[in-house]
PDB file of N, CA and C in Angstrom:
ATOM      1  N   MET A   1       0.840  -1.176   0.000  1.00  0.00           N
ATOM      2  CA  MET A   1       0.000   0.000   0.000  1.00  0.00           C
ATOM      3  C   MET A   1       0.887   1.242   0.000  1.00  0.00           C
ATOM      4  N   ALA A   2       0.559   2.204  -0.843  1.00  0.00           N
ATOM      5  CA  ALA A   2       1.356   3.422  -0.959  1.00  0.00           C
ATOM      6  C   ALA A   2       1.137   4.322   0.248  1.00  0.00           C
ATOM      7  N   LYS A   3       2.210   4.924   0.690  1.00  0.00           N
ATOM      8  CA  LYS A   3       2.124   5.844   1.814  1.00  0.00           C
ATOM      9  C   LYS A   3       1.650   7.208   1.319  1.00  0.00           C
ATOM     10  N   GLN A   4       0.664   7.768   1.994  1.00  0.00           N
ATOM     11  CA  GLN A   4       0.112   9.056   1.601  1.00  0.00           C
ATOM     12  C   GLN A   4       0.988  10.178   2.156  1.00  0.00           C
ATOM     13  N   SER A   5       1.244  11.182   1.308  1.00  0.00           N
ATOM     14  CA  SER A   5       2.079  12.287   1.760  1.00  0.00           C
ATOM     15  C   SER A   5       1.275  13.221   2.664  1.00  0.00           C
ATOM     16  N   ALA A   6       1.972  14.101   3.358  1.00  0.00           N
ATOM     17  CA  ALA A   6       1.317  15.051   4.255  1.00  0.00           C
ATOM     18  C   ALA A   6       0.506  16.072   3.468  1.00  0.00           C
ATOM     19  N   ASP A   7       0.918  16.359   2.225  1.00  0.00           N
ATOM     20  CA  ASP A   7       0.201  17.300   1.379  1.00  0.00           C
ATOM     21  C   ASP A   7      -0.938  16.558   0.684  1.00  0.00           C
ATOM     22  N   THR A   8      -2.169  16.896   1.026  1.00  0.00           N
ATOM     23  CA  THR A   8      -3.317  16.192   0.459  1.00  0.00           C
ATOM     24  C   THR A   8      -4.010  17.018  -0.622  1.00  0.00           C
ATOM     25  N   THR A   9      -3.317  17.983  -1.203  1.00  0.00           N
ATOM     26  CA  THR A   9      -3.872  18.770  -2.286  1.00  0.00           C
ATOM     27  C   THR A   9      -4.069  17.859  -3.491  1.00  0.00           C
ATOM     28  N   PRO A  10      -5.299  17.828  -4.021  1.00  0.00           N
ATOM     29  CA  PRO A  10      -5.540  16.947  -5.167  1.00  0.00           C
ATOM     30  C   PRO A  10      -4.850  17.455  -6.428  1.00  0.00           C
ATOM     31  N   LEU A  11      -4.510  16.535  -7.323  1.00  0.00           N
ATOM     32  CA  LEU A  11      -3.914  16.905  -8.604  1.00  0.00           C
ATOM     33  C   LEU A  11      -4.982  17.376  -9.585  1.00  0.00           C
ATOM     34  N   ALA A  12      -6.210  16.887  -9.394  1.00  0.00           N
ATOM     35  CA  ALA A  12      -7.311  17.251 -10.287  1.00  0.00           C
ATOM     36  C   ALA A  12      -8.596  17.348  -9.477  1.00  0.00           C
ATOM     37  N   LEU A  13      -9.526  18.135 -10.007  1.00  0.00           N
ATOM     38  CA  LEU A  13     -10.796  18.376  -9.323  1.00  0.00           C
ATOM     39  C   LEU A  13     -11.960  17.899 -10.178  1.00  0.00           C
ATOM     40  N   SER A  14     -13.006  17.457  -9.509  1.00  0.00           N
ATOM     41  CA  SER A  14     -14.242  17.162 -10.225  1.00  0.00           C
ATOM     42  C   SER A  14     -14.862  18.504 -10.632  1.00  0.00           C
ATOM     43  N   PRO A  15     -15.737  18.504 -11.626  1.00  0.00           N
ATOM     44  CA  PRO A  15     -16.404  19.754 -11.991  1.00  0.00           C
ATOM     45  C   PRO A  15     -17.148  20.392 -10.814  1.00  0.00           C
ATOM     46  N   ALA A  16     -17.750  19.564  -9.972  1.00  0.00           N
ATOM     47  CA  ALA A  16     -18.477  20.098  -8.809  1.00  0.00           C
ATOM     48  C   ALA A  16     -17.527  20.799  -7.842  1.00  0.00           C
ATOM     49  N   LYS A  17     -16.365  20.182  -7.580  1.00  0.00           N
ATOM     50  CA  LYS A  17     -15.407  20.815  -6.661  1.00  0.00           C
ATOM     51  C   LYS A  17     -14.798  22.069  -7.265  1.00  0.00           C
ATOM     52  N   ALA A  18     -14.537  22.043  -8.572  1.00  0.00           N
ATOM     53  CA  ALA A  18     -14.012  23.244  -9.234  1.00  0.00           C
ATOM     54  C   ALA A  18     -15.038  24.369  -9.173  1.00  0.00           C
ATOM     55  N   ALA A  19     -16.304  24.033  -9.373  1.00  0.00           N
ATOM     56  CA  ALA A  19     -17.369  25.038  -9.293  1.00  0.00           C
ATOM     57  C   ALA A  19     -17.447  25.628  -7.891  1.00  0.00           C
ATOM     58  N   ASP A  20     -17.379  24.781  -6.868  1.00  0.00           N
ATOM     59  CA  ASP A  20     -17.390  25.265  -5.486  1.00  0.00           C
ATOM     60  C   ASP A  20     -16.195  26.172  -5.209  1.00  0.00           C
ATOM     61  N   LEU A  21     -15.040  25.763  -5.683  1.00  0.00           N
ATOM     62  CA  LEU A  21     -13.813  26.523  -5.454  1.00  0.00           C
ATOM     63  C   LEU A  21     -13.885  27.909  -6.096  1.00  0.00           C
ATOM     64  N   LEU A  22     -14.474  27.982  -7.294  1.00  0.00           N
ATOM     65  CA  LEU A  22     -14.582  29.262  -8.000  1.00  0.00           C
ATOM     66  C   LEU A  22     -15.820  30.057  -7.619  1.00  0.00           C
ATOM     67  N   GLY A  23     -16.780  29.405  -6.961  1.00  0.00           N
ATOM     68  CA  GLY A  23     -18.009  30.093  -6.586  1.00  0.00           C
ATOM     69  C   GLY A  23     -18.969  30.280  -7.751  1.00  0.00           C
ATOM     70  N   VAL A  24     -18.951  29.320  -8.679  1.00  0.00           N
ATOM     71  CA  VAL A  24     -19.858  29.360  -9.831  1.00  0.00           C
ATOM     72  C   VAL A  24     -20.629  28.045  -9.879  1.00  0.00           C
ATOM     73  N   SER A  25     -21.583  27.972 -10.794  1.00  0.00           N
ATOM     74  CA  SER A  25     -22.386  26.752 -10.902  1.00  0.00           C
ATOM     75  C   SER A  25     -21.650  25.673 -11.691  1.00  0.00           C
ATOM     76  N   ARG A  26     -22.094  24.438 -11.511  1.00  0.00           N
ATOM     77  CA  ARG A  26     -21.533  23.324 -12.281  1.00  0.00           C
ATOM     78  C   ARG A  26     -21.831  23.495 -13.755  1.00  0.00           C
ATOM     79  N   THR A  27     -22.964  24.111 -14.068  1.00  0.00           N
ATOM     80  CA  THR A  27     -23.325  24.329 -15.470  1.00  0.00           C
ATOM     81  C   THR A  27     -22.282  25.200 -16.159  1.00  0.00           C
ATOM     82  N   ILE A  28     -21.825  26.234 -15.480  1.00  0.00           N
ATOM     83  CA  ILE A  28     -20.801  27.114 -16.049  1.00  0.00           C
ATOM     84  C   ILE A  28     -19.517  26.321 -16.286  1.00  0.00           C
ATOM     85  N   ILE A  29     -19.104  25.540 -15.307  1.00  0.00           N
ATOM     86  CA  ILE A  29     -17.892  24.725 -15.444  1.00  0.00           C
ATOM     87  C   ILE A  29     -18.055  23.736 -16.589  1.00  0.00           C
ATOM     88  N   ASN A  30     -19.193  23.056 -16.665  1.00  0.00           N
ATOM     89  CA  ASN A  30     -19.420  22.091 -17.742  1.00  0.00           C
ATOM     90  C   ASN A  30     -19.382  22.778 -19.100  1.00  0.00           C
ATOM     91  N   ASN A  31     -19.999  23.935 -19.225  1.00  0.00           N
ATOM     92  CA  ASN A  31     -19.974  24.665 -20.496  1.00  0.00           C
ATOM     93  C   ASN A  31     -18.549  25.038 -20.888  1.00  0.00           C
ATOM     94  N   LEU A  32     -17.748  25.482 -19.918  1.00  0.00           N
ATOM     95  CA  LEU A  32     -16.353  25.831 -20.188  1.00  0.00           C
ATOM     96  C   LEU A  32     -15.540  24.606 -20.599  1.00  0.00           C
ATOM     97  N   MET A  33     -15.799  23.480 -19.945  1.00  0.00           N
ATOM     98  CA  MET A  33     -15.072  22.249 -20.273  1.00  0.00           C
ATOM     99  C   MET A  33     -15.423  21.767 -21.672  1.00  0.00           C
ATOM    100  N   TYR A  34     -16.699  21.683 -21.961  1.00  0.00           N
ATOM    101  CA  TYR A  34     -17.117  21.093 -23.233  1.00  0.00           C
ATOM    102  C   TYR A  34     -16.908  22.025 -24.414  1.00  0.00           C
ATOM    103  N   SER A  35     -16.736  23.327 -24.149  1.00  0.00           N
ATOM    104  CA  SER A  35     -16.396  24.249 -25.237  1.00  0.00           C
ATOM    105  C   SER A  35     -14.895  24.213 -25.533  1.00  0.00           C
ATOM    106  N   GLY A  36     -14.138  23.585 -24.625  1.00  0.00           N
ATOM    107  CA  GLY A  36     -12.691  23.498 -24.801  1.00  0.00           C
ATOM    108  C   GLY A  36     -11.947  24.656 -24.164  1.00  0.00           C
ATOM    109  N   GLU A  37     -12.674  25.574 -23.542  1.00  0.00           N
ATOM    110  CA  GLU A  37     -12.022  26.731 -22.925  1.00  0.00           C
ATOM    111  C   GLU A  37     -11.299  26.359 -21.629  1.00  0.00           C
ATOM    112  N   LEU A  38     -11.856  25.435 -20.875  1.00  0.00           N
ATOM    113  CA  LEU A  38     -11.249  24.996 -19.617  1.00  0.00           C
ATOM    114  C   LEU A  38     -10.677  23.602 -19.819  1.00  0.00           C
ATOM    115  N   PRO A  39      -9.354  23.459 -19.736  1.00  0.00           N
ATOM    116  CA  PRO A  39      -8.737  22.142 -19.965  1.00  0.00           C
ATOM    117  C   PRO A  39      -9.257  21.104 -18.975  1.00  0.00           C
ATOM    118  N   ASN A  40      -9.460  19.896 -19.476  1.00  0.00           N
ATOM    119  CA  ASN A  40      -9.916  18.800 -18.627  1.00  0.00           C
ATOM    120  C   ASN A  40      -9.467  17.482 -19.237  1.00  0.00           C
ATOM    121  N   ILE A  41      -9.502  16.458 -18.413  1.00  0.00           N
ATOM    122  CA  ILE A  41      -9.124  15.127 -18.862  1.00  0.00           C
ATOM    123  C   ILE A  41     -10.255  14.162 -18.527  1.00  0.00           C
ATOM    124  N   GLN A  42     -10.307  13.061 -19.246  1.00  0.00           N
ATOM    125  CA  GLN A  42     -11.287  12.031 -18.957  1.00  0.00           C
ATOM    126  C   GLN A  42     -10.561  10.845 -18.348  1.00  0.00           C
ATOM    127  N   VAL A  43     -11.059  10.405 -17.214  1.00  0.00           N
ATOM    128  CA  VAL A  43     -10.528   9.226 -16.537  1.00  0.00           C
ATOM    129  C   VAL A  43     -11.713   8.285 -16.340  1.00  0.00           C
ATOM    130  N   GLY A  44     -11.734   7.237 -17.126  1.00  0.00           N
ATOM    131  CA  GLY A  44     -12.905   6.366 -17.108  1.00  0.00           C
ATOM    132  C   GLY A  44     -14.097   7.143 -17.641  1.00  0.00           C
ATOM    133  N   ARG A  45     -15.146   7.199 -16.855  1.00  0.00           N
ATOM    134  CA  ARG A  45     -16.335   7.957 -17.241  1.00  0.00           C
ATOM    135  C   ARG A  45     -16.340   9.365 -16.666  1.00  0.00           C
ATOM    136  N   ARG A  46     -15.357   9.676 -15.845  1.00  0.00           N
ATOM    137  CA  ARG A  46     -15.319  10.978 -15.166  1.00  0.00           C
ATOM    138  C   ARG A  46     -14.503  11.985 -15.936  1.00  0.00           C
ATOM    139  N   ARG A  47     -14.883  13.236 -15.835  1.00  0.00           N
ATOM    140  CA  ARG A  47     -14.098  14.362 -16.332  1.00  0.00           C
ATOM    141  C   ARG A  47     -13.465  15.020 -15.118  1.00  0.00           C
ATOM    142  N   LEU A  48     -12.179  15.325 -15.227  1.00  0.00           N
ATOM    143  CA  LEU A  48     -11.460  15.976 -14.142  1.00  0.00           C
ATOM    144  C   LEU A  48     -10.728  17.196 -14.686  1.00  0.00           C
ATOM    145  N   ILE A  49     -10.594  18.196 -13.858  1.00  0.00           N
ATOM    146  CA  ILE A  49      -9.898  19.420 -14.220  1.00  0.00           C
ATOM    147  C   ILE A  49      -8.592  19.451 -13.429  1.00  0.00           C
ATOM    148  N   PRO A  50      -7.454  19.315 -14.116  1.00  0.00           N
ATOM    149  CA  PRO A  50      -6.177  19.389 -13.400  1.00  0.00           C
ATOM    150  C   PRO A  50      -6.051  20.738 -12.678  1.00  0.00           C
ATOM    151  N   LEU A  51      -5.634  20.703 -11.441  1.00  0.00           N
ATOM    152  CA  LEU A  51      -5.537  21.912 -10.629  1.00  0.00           C
ATOM    153  C   LEU A  51      -4.624  22.947 -11.278  1.00  0.00           C
ATOM    154  N   LYS A  52      -3.506  22.520 -11.821  1.00  0.00           N
ATOM    155  CA  LYS A  52      -2.589  23.462 -12.478  1.00  0.00           C
ATOM    156  C   LYS A  52      -3.241  24.096 -13.696  1.00  0.00           C
ATOM    157  N   ALA A  53      -4.030  23.323 -14.440  1.00  0.00           N
ATOM    158  CA  ALA A  53      -4.731  23.866 -15.604  1.00  0.00           C
ATOM    159  C   ALA A  53      -5.761  24.908 -15.172  1.00  0.00           C
ATOM    160  N   LEU A  54      -6.446  24.647 -14.061  1.00  0.00           N
ATOM    161  CA  LEU A  54      -7.421  25.612 -13.544  1.00  0.00           C
ATOM    162  C   LEU A  54      -6.719  26.900 -13.123  1.00  0.00           C
ATOM    163  N   GLU A  55      -5.578  26.775 -12.457  1.00  0.00           N
ATOM    164  CA  GLU A  55      -4.823  27.957 -12.041  1.00  0.00           C
ATOM    165  C   GLU A  55      -4.332  28.749 -13.249  1.00  0.00           C
ATOM    166  N   THR A  56      -3.830  28.055 -14.260  1.00  0.00           N
ATOM    167  CA  THR A  56      -3.364  28.717 -15.489  1.00  0.00           C
ATOM    168  C   THR A  56      -4.522  29.417 -16.185  1.00  0.00           C
ATOM    169  N   TRP A  57      -5.660  28.754 -16.274  1.00  0.00           N
ATOM    170  CA  TRP A  57      -6.848  29.334 -16.893  1.00  0.00           C
ATOM    171  C   TRP A  57      -7.271  30.612 -16.165  1.00  0.00           C
ATOM    172  N   MET A  58      -7.237  30.561 -14.830  1.00  0.00           N
ATOM    173  CA  MET A  58      -7.604  31.740 -14.030  1.00  0.00           C
ATOM    174  C   MET A  58      -6.626  32.892 -14.291  1.00  0.00           C
ATOM    175  N   GLU A  59      -5.330  32.603 -14.349  1.00  0.00           N
ATOM    176  CA  GLU A  59      -4.327  33.635 -14.611  1.00  0.00           C
ATOM    177  C   GLU A  59      -4.553  34.271 -15.982  1.00  0.00           C
ATOM    178  N   GLN A  60      -4.882  33.448 -16.971  1.00  0.00           N
ATOM    179  CA  GLN A  60      -5.161  33.970 -18.316  1.00  0.00           C
ATOM    180  C   GLN A  60      -6.385  34.882 -18.299  1.00  0.00           C
ATOM    181  N   LYS A  61      -7.406  34.493 -17.565  1.00  0.00           N
ATOM    182  CA  LYS A  61      -8.620  35.311 -17.469  1.00  0.00           C
ATOM    183  C   LYS A  61      -8.319  36.651 -16.787  1.00  0.00           C
ATOM    184  N   LEU A  62      -7.477  36.635 -15.794  1.00  0.00           N
ATOM    185  CA  LEU A  62      -7.092  37.882 -15.117  1.00  0.00           C
ATOM    186  C   LEU A  62      -6.320  38.797 -16.059  1.00  0.00           C
ATOM    187  N   GLN A  63      -5.450  38.215 -16.887  1.00  0.00           N
ATOM    188  CA  GLN A  63      -4.674  39.000 -17.835  1.00  0.00           C
ATOM    189  C   GLN A  63      -5.556  39.628 -18.916  1.00  0.00           C
ATOM    190  N   GLU A  64      -6.642  38.937 -19.269  1.00  0.00           N
ATOM    191  CA  GLU A  64      -7.556  39.437 -20.306  1.00  0.00           C
ATOM    192  C   GLU A  64      -8.356  40.650 -19.846  1.00  0.00           C
ATOM    193  N   GLN A  65      -8.502  40.813 -18.552  1.00  0.00           N
ATOM    194  CA  GLN A  65      -9.339  41.905 -18.037  1.00  0.00           C
ATOM    195  C   GLN A  65      -8.612  43.214 -18.044  1.00  0.00           C
TER     196      GLN A  65
END
């Protein structure tokens, strides 16, 4: 069994957790994912948003303003 590190920050977030983190609805996150604007990966049947990709996306949005 692998030993878990002290840092429990996830590498990727579910759309629901990303929506909670950003304070927006899941519908907004899903629209961004499926339009290709928000990078995401598919693992099995689930879609996940890599945390680094979300941070990069946020930085790009801040630069656009």
